[in-house]
Amino acid sequence: MKVVASMKFVIQDKLTGLTNQQAVFQMAKDIGYDGVELNLFQQRLDDKLTDELRTAIDSTGIPLTAICGGYRNWIGHFDEVKRLEAVADIQSSLKNAALLGAQGIIAPAAYGMFSKSLPHLVLPRNEADDRIALLDSLNRIAESAEKLQVQLILEPLNRYEDHMLNTVAQAAALIKEVNSTSLKVLGDFFHMNIEESNIAETIANDFNSLGYFHLADNNRQLPGKAQLDFRTPFQTLKSLDYKGYLAMECRIGEERRELLQETLHFLRQSLN
């Protein structure tokens, strides 16, 4: 697993608007980003794409930091067959992630399956059984991840997108039960802005469990395009000597290169 010397700013490949991985990594390098995160929704990281990514990494020197996706279905799926399919896909994709030097695979409990905050819905499974299913998935994945020296990065989502894990503390408590160094929590500033009372305090409270971050403003636009405070959480991360990635997962306008340049300048100003 790649060791990161200090905080690094990363872009998801989809933000570039490009489909060729060589061009994606080259844009990241030209603008000045420290890495690329691959968005791979509802599909595995196969050998063909792995070869394309390896070529892009080798030619640009820009690392692949993580894969947001790389599996079908969800690790907390209500359907047992689909849950185990998600686990198997993650185990498969982790092998290629390891070959590429990525930190690991990013996964929520589930996305869009159920929300307790929407009316007139009946929960298909109780909370105790949710927890049993998630712990089983995490234990299976952790065993594979440990052997490969990569990570499963568990992402809590806001209450409208998922009902199982909404806060960093909930996710941190779950991975502590598994007790594996190959499980970490992802802190997404957009979701944290909805679910946490104070982003900086949340980071401080569960810092040992956090291993990766997603950045977006409070309206899911690029950082600096709305009202979210980035400076205070960044200073907390600096004070705690965070040595990891902060990847942008957000919406973007048409002038992609210019907007990505502006955002990198904003993030560095907020950090320093």
Protein backbone atom coordinates (compact mmCIF):
# COMPACT_ATOMS: atom_id res chain seq x y z
CA MET A 1 0.00 0.00 0.00
CA LYS A 2 1.34 3.41 -0.95
CA VAL A 3 2.58 5.54 1.97
CA VAL A 4 1.56 9.20 1.81
CA ALA A 5 4.05 11.70 3.25
CA SER A 6 1.61 14.58 3.80
CA MET A 7 -1.89 15.79 2.91
CA LYS A 8 -2.53 15.50 -0.82
CA PHE A 9 -5.31 16.96 -2.97
CA VAL A 10 -6.91 14.58 -5.47
CA ILE A 11 -9.50 14.72 -8.23
CA GLN A 12 -11.94 12.03 -9.26
CA ASP A 13 -11.48 11.10 -12.90
CA LYS A 14 -15.08 12.01 -13.78
CA LEU A 15 -14.45 15.69 -12.93
CA THR A 16 -12.10 16.04 -15.89
CA GLY A 17 -14.83 15.13 -18.39
CA LEU A 18 -12.32 12.83 -20.10
CA THR A 19 -12.73 9.12 -20.77
CA ASN A 20 -9.13 8.25 -21.65
CA GLN A 21 -7.21 7.48 -18.46
CA GLN A 22 -3.92 8.72 -19.89
CA ALA A 23 -5.53 12.11 -20.56
CA VAL A 24 -7.14 12.15 -17.10
CA PHE A 25 -3.85 11.58 -15.29
CA GLN A 26 -2.03 14.03 -17.53
CA MET A 27 -4.59 16.76 -16.75
CA ALA A 28 -4.22 16.10 -13.03
CA LYS A 29 -0.45 16.43 -13.37
CA ASP A 30 -0.60 19.58 -15.51
CA ILE A 31 -2.93 21.38 -13.10
CA GLY A 32 -0.92 20.33 -10.05
CA TYR A 33 -3.05 17.71 -8.29
CA ASP A 34 -1.37 14.98 -6.26
CA GLY A 35 -3.43 12.04 -7.41
CA VAL A 36 -6.47 10.66 -9.21
CA GLU A 37 -9.37 8.74 -7.68
CA LEU A 38 -11.26 6.41 -9.98
CA ASN A 39 -15.06 6.53 -9.96
CA LEU A 40 -16.27 3.08 -10.97
CA PHE A 41 -19.97 2.86 -10.14
CA GLN A 42 -21.57 -0.61 -10.09
CA GLN A 43 -18.77 -2.42 -11.93
CA ARG A 44 -15.61 -4.31 -11.08
CA LEU A 45 -12.08 -3.10 -11.69
CA ASP A 46 -11.18 -5.54 -14.46
CA ASP A 47 -7.79 -6.40 -15.93
CA LYS A 48 -8.24 -4.26 -19.05
CA LEU A 49 -8.91 -1.07 -17.10
CA THR A 50 -6.13 -1.98 -14.67
CA ASP A 51 -3.66 -2.12 -17.57
CA GLU A 52 -4.85 1.30 -18.82
CA LEU A 53 -4.46 2.77 -15.36
CA ARG A 54 -1.00 1.27 -14.92
CA THR A 55 0.15 2.87 -18.17
CA ALA A 56 -1.25 6.26 -17.10
CA ILE A 57 0.35 6.02 -13.67
CA ASP A 58 3.75 5.01 -15.04
CA SER A 59 3.83 7.69 -17.74
CA THR A 60 2.73 10.60 -15.54
CA GLY A 61 4.02 9.68 -12.10
CA ILE A 62 0.59 10.55 -10.69
CA PRO A 63 -0.76 7.87 -8.31
CA LEU A 64 -4.17 6.26 -8.30
CA THR A 65 -5.27 6.94 -4.73
CA ALA A 66 -8.44 4.85 -4.43
CA ILE A 67 -11.37 3.37 -6.32
CA CYS A 68 -14.77 4.80 -5.43
CA GLY A 69 -16.78 1.74 -6.43
CA GLY A 70 -15.36 -1.33 -8.11
CA TYR A 71 -18.27 -3.62 -7.20
CA ARG A 72 -21.92 -4.32 -7.94
CA ASN A 73 -24.68 -3.97 -5.34
CA TRP A 74 -23.85 -3.06 -1.72
CA ILE A 75 -22.12 -4.62 1.27
CA GLY A 76 -25.26 -3.99 3.34
CA HIS A 77 -27.73 -5.13 0.68
CA PHE A 78 -31.07 -6.50 1.91
CA ASP A 79 -30.79 -9.35 -0.61
CA GLU A 80 -28.23 -11.87 0.70
CA VAL A 81 -27.14 -13.00 -2.76
CA LYS A 82 -26.50 -9.43 -3.86
CA ARG A 83 -24.69 -8.60 -0.62
CA LEU A 84 -22.29 -11.49 -1.11
CA GLU A 85 -21.85 -10.51 -4.76
CA ALA A 86 -20.73 -7.05 -3.60
CA VAL A 87 -18.25 -8.65 -1.19
CA ALA A 88 -16.85 -10.92 -3.91
CA ASP A 89 -16.53 -8.00 -6.34
CA ILE A 90 -14.65 -5.93 -3.75
CA GLN A 91 -12.30 -8.82 -3.02
CA SER A 92 -11.61 -9.11 -6.76
CA SER A 93 -11.12 -5.36 -7.29
CA LEU A 94 -8.84 -5.14 -4.25
CA LYS A 95 -6.36 -7.41 -6.05
CA ASN A 96 -6.08 -4.97 -8.93
CA ALA A 97 -6.07 -2.00 -6.56
CA ALA A 98 -3.04 -3.56 -4.87
CA LEU A 99 -1.29 -4.03 -8.21
CA LEU A 100 -1.85 -0.32 -8.94
CA GLY A 101 -0.54 0.86 -5.56
CA ALA A 102 -3.90 2.34 -4.57
CA GLN A 103 -4.89 2.79 -0.95
CA GLY A 104 -8.00 0.71 -1.48
CA ILE A 105 -11.71 0.55 -2.31
CA ILE A 106 -14.30 3.06 -1.06
CA ALA A 107 -17.73 1.67 -0.16
CA PRO A 108 -20.79 2.81 1.82
CA ALA A 109 -23.11 0.38 3.56
CA ALA A 110 -25.62 1.02 0.79
CA TYR A 111 -26.73 3.85 -1.47
CA GLY A 112 -30.30 4.77 -2.31
CA MET A 113 -31.85 1.59 -0.91
CA PHE A 114 -33.74 3.08 2.02
CA SER A 115 -34.07 6.29 4.06
CA LYS A 116 -35.72 6.64 7.45
CA SER A 117 -36.12 10.35 6.71
CA LEU A 118 -38.61 9.81 3.89
CA PRO A 119 -42.27 9.08 4.77
CA HIS A 120 -44.47 6.05 4.19
CA LEU A 121 -41.70 3.49 3.87
CA VAL A 122 -41.38 0.22 5.76
CA LEU A 123 -37.86 -0.81 6.77
CA PRO A 124 -37.14 -4.19 5.12
CA ARG A 125 -34.72 -5.31 7.85
CA ASN A 126 -34.27 -4.31 11.48
CA GLU A 127 -31.19 -2.53 12.80
CA ALA A 128 -29.78 -5.58 14.56
CA ASP A 129 -29.86 -7.58 11.32
CA ASP A 130 -28.37 -4.62 9.41
CA ARG A 131 -25.44 -4.72 11.81
CA ILE A 132 -25.01 -8.50 11.47
CA ALA A 133 -24.95 -8.22 7.67
CA LEU A 134 -22.45 -5.35 7.67
CA LEU A 135 -20.12 -7.04 10.15
CA ASP A 136 -20.16 -10.22 8.09
CA SER A 137 -19.30 -8.28 4.91
CA LEU A 138 -16.56 -6.29 6.61
CA ASN A 139 -14.97 -9.38 8.17
CA ARG A 140 -14.86 -11.14 4.81
CA ILE A 141 -13.39 -8.11 3.04
CA ALA A 142 -10.89 -7.33 5.80
CA GLU A 143 -9.41 -10.82 5.55
CA SER A 144 -8.70 -10.30 1.84
CA ALA A 145 -7.52 -6.71 2.28
CA GLU A 146 -5.03 -7.66 4.98
CA LYS A 147 -3.40 -10.24 2.73
CA LEU A 148 -3.12 -7.71 -0.10
CA GLN A 149 -2.03 -4.83 2.18
CA VAL A 150 -4.80 -2.54 0.94
CA GLN A 151 -7.89 -1.10 2.61
CA LEU A 152 -11.64 -1.07 2.51
CA ILE A 153 -12.58 2.55 3.21
CA LEU A 154 -16.09 2.66 4.68
CA GLU A 155 -18.09 5.77 3.83
CA PRO A 156 -21.04 6.98 5.94
CA LEU A 157 -23.67 8.74 3.82
CA ASN A 158 -26.29 11.29 4.83
CA ARG A 159 -29.72 10.19 6.10
CA TYR A 160 -31.43 10.73 2.73
CA GLU A 161 -29.05 8.38 0.87
CA ASP A 162 -28.57 5.57 3.41
CA HIS A 163 -30.11 4.52 6.71
CA MET A 164 -27.42 2.16 8.02
CA LEU A 165 -24.39 4.41 8.52
CA ASN A 166 -24.80 8.19 8.62
CA THR A 167 -22.06 9.46 10.93
CA VAL A 168 -18.33 8.98 11.24
CA ALA A 169 -18.79 7.71 14.80
CA GLN A 170 -21.19 4.98 13.65
CA ALA A 171 -18.77 3.78 10.99
CA ALA A 172 -15.80 4.01 13.38
CA ALA A 173 -17.59 1.90 15.99
CA LEU A 174 -18.38 -0.76 13.40
CA ILE A 175 -14.83 -1.15 12.08
CA LYS A 176 -13.47 -1.26 15.63
CA GLU A 177 -15.53 -4.41 16.17
CA VAL A 178 -13.80 -6.05 13.23
CA ASN A 179 -10.43 -4.87 14.56
CA SER A 180 -8.52 -4.84 11.29
CA THR A 181 -5.90 -2.33 10.18
CA SER A 182 -7.26 -2.79 6.65
CA LEU A 183 -10.54 -1.04 7.51
CA LYS A 184 -10.74 2.75 7.64
CA VAL A 185 -13.52 5.36 7.61
CA LEU A 186 -13.97 8.00 4.92
CA GLY A 187 -15.04 11.48 5.99
CA ASP A 188 -17.03 13.20 3.24
CA PHE A 189 -17.39 16.94 3.95
CA PHE A 190 -20.76 17.08 2.15
CA HIS A 191 -22.29 14.27 4.22
CA MET A 192 -20.56 15.46 7.40
CA ASN A 193 -22.04 18.93 6.93
CA ILE A 194 -25.50 17.34 7.11
CA GLU A 195 -24.93 14.75 9.83
CA GLU A 196 -22.19 16.07 12.13
CA SER A 197 -22.55 18.93 14.60
CA ASN A 198 -19.01 20.11 13.93
CA ILE A 199 -16.75 18.71 11.20
CA ALA A 200 -13.49 19.65 12.91
CA GLU A 201 -14.57 18.14 16.23
CA THR A 202 -15.71 14.96 14.48
CA ILE A 203 -12.30 14.65 12.84
CA ALA A 204 -10.57 15.10 16.20
CA ASN A 205 -12.85 12.63 17.99
CA ASP A 206 -12.43 9.77 15.50
CA PHE A 207 -9.13 10.65 13.89
CA ASN A 208 -7.59 7.22 14.46
CA SER A 209 -10.38 5.59 12.44
CA LEU A 210 -10.37 8.10 9.58
CA GLY A 211 -8.15 7.26 6.64
CA TYR A 212 -9.41 9.23 3.65
CA PHE A 213 -11.57 12.27 2.84
CA HIS A 214 -13.94 13.46 0.12
CA LEU A 215 -14.33 17.17 -0.47
CA ALA A 216 -17.39 19.07 -1.70
CA ASP A 217 -19.10 22.26 -0.64
CA ASN A 218 -22.43 22.23 1.20
CA ASN A 219 -24.37 22.29 -2.11
CA ARG A 220 -22.26 19.45 -3.59
CA GLN A 221 -20.41 21.89 -5.84
CA LEU A 222 -16.66 22.36 -5.94
CA PRO A 223 -15.07 23.48 -2.66
CA GLY A 224 -15.16 27.26 -2.37
CA LYS A 225 -18.33 27.65 -4.44
CA ALA A 226 -20.74 27.85 -1.48
CA GLN A 227 -20.67 28.34 2.30
CA LEU A 228 -18.79 25.42 3.87
CA ASP A 229 -15.81 26.23 6.10
CA PHE A 230 -12.78 24.25 4.92
CA ARG A 231 -10.11 26.18 6.78
CA THR A 232 -11.02 25.01 10.30
CA PRO A 233 -11.18 21.27 9.51
CA PHE A 234 -7.97 21.55 7.48
CA GLN A 235 -6.20 23.16 10.43
CA THR A 236 -7.46 20.34 12.64
CA LEU A 237 -6.05 17.79 10.20
CA LYS A 238 -2.72 19.63 10.17
CA SER A 239 -2.59 19.73 13.96
CA LEU A 240 -3.21 15.97 14.05
CA ASP A 241 -0.51 15.40 11.41
CA TYR A 242 -2.85 13.78 8.91
CA LYS A 243 -0.82 12.17 6.14
CA GLY A 244 -3.37 11.20 3.56
CA TYR A 245 -5.59 12.08 0.64
CA LEU A 246 -8.40 14.61 0.26
CA ALA A 247 -10.26 13.86 -2.96
CA MET A 248 -12.86 16.02 -4.64
CA GLU A 249 -16.17 14.24 -5.19
CA CYS A 250 -18.61 16.88 -6.36
CA ARG A 251 -20.37 18.54 -9.25
CA ILE A 252 -18.56 20.78 -11.70
CA GLY A 253 -19.39 23.33 -14.40
CA GLU A 254 -18.44 23.38 -18.06
CA GLU A 255 -15.03 25.09 -17.81
CA ARG A 256 -13.51 22.08 -16.12
CA ARG A 257 -9.78 22.83 -16.34
CA GLU A 258 -10.19 26.42 -15.18
CA LEU A 259 -12.52 25.42 -12.34
CA LEU A 260 -10.18 22.67 -11.19
CA GLN A 261 -7.28 25.12 -11.17
CA GLU A 262 -9.30 27.65 -9.16
CA THR A 263 -10.37 24.99 -6.69
CA LEU A 264 -6.84 23.74 -6.11
CA HIS A 265 -5.75 27.31 -5.37
CA PHE A 266 -8.66 27.69 -2.92
CA LEU A 267 -7.84 24.41 -1.16
CA ARG A 268 -4.18 25.27 -0.77
CA GLN A 269 -5.08 28.70 0.59
CA SER A 270 -7.46 27.09 3.08
CA LEU A 271 -4.76 24.66 4.15
CA ASN A 272 -1.97 27.21 4.54
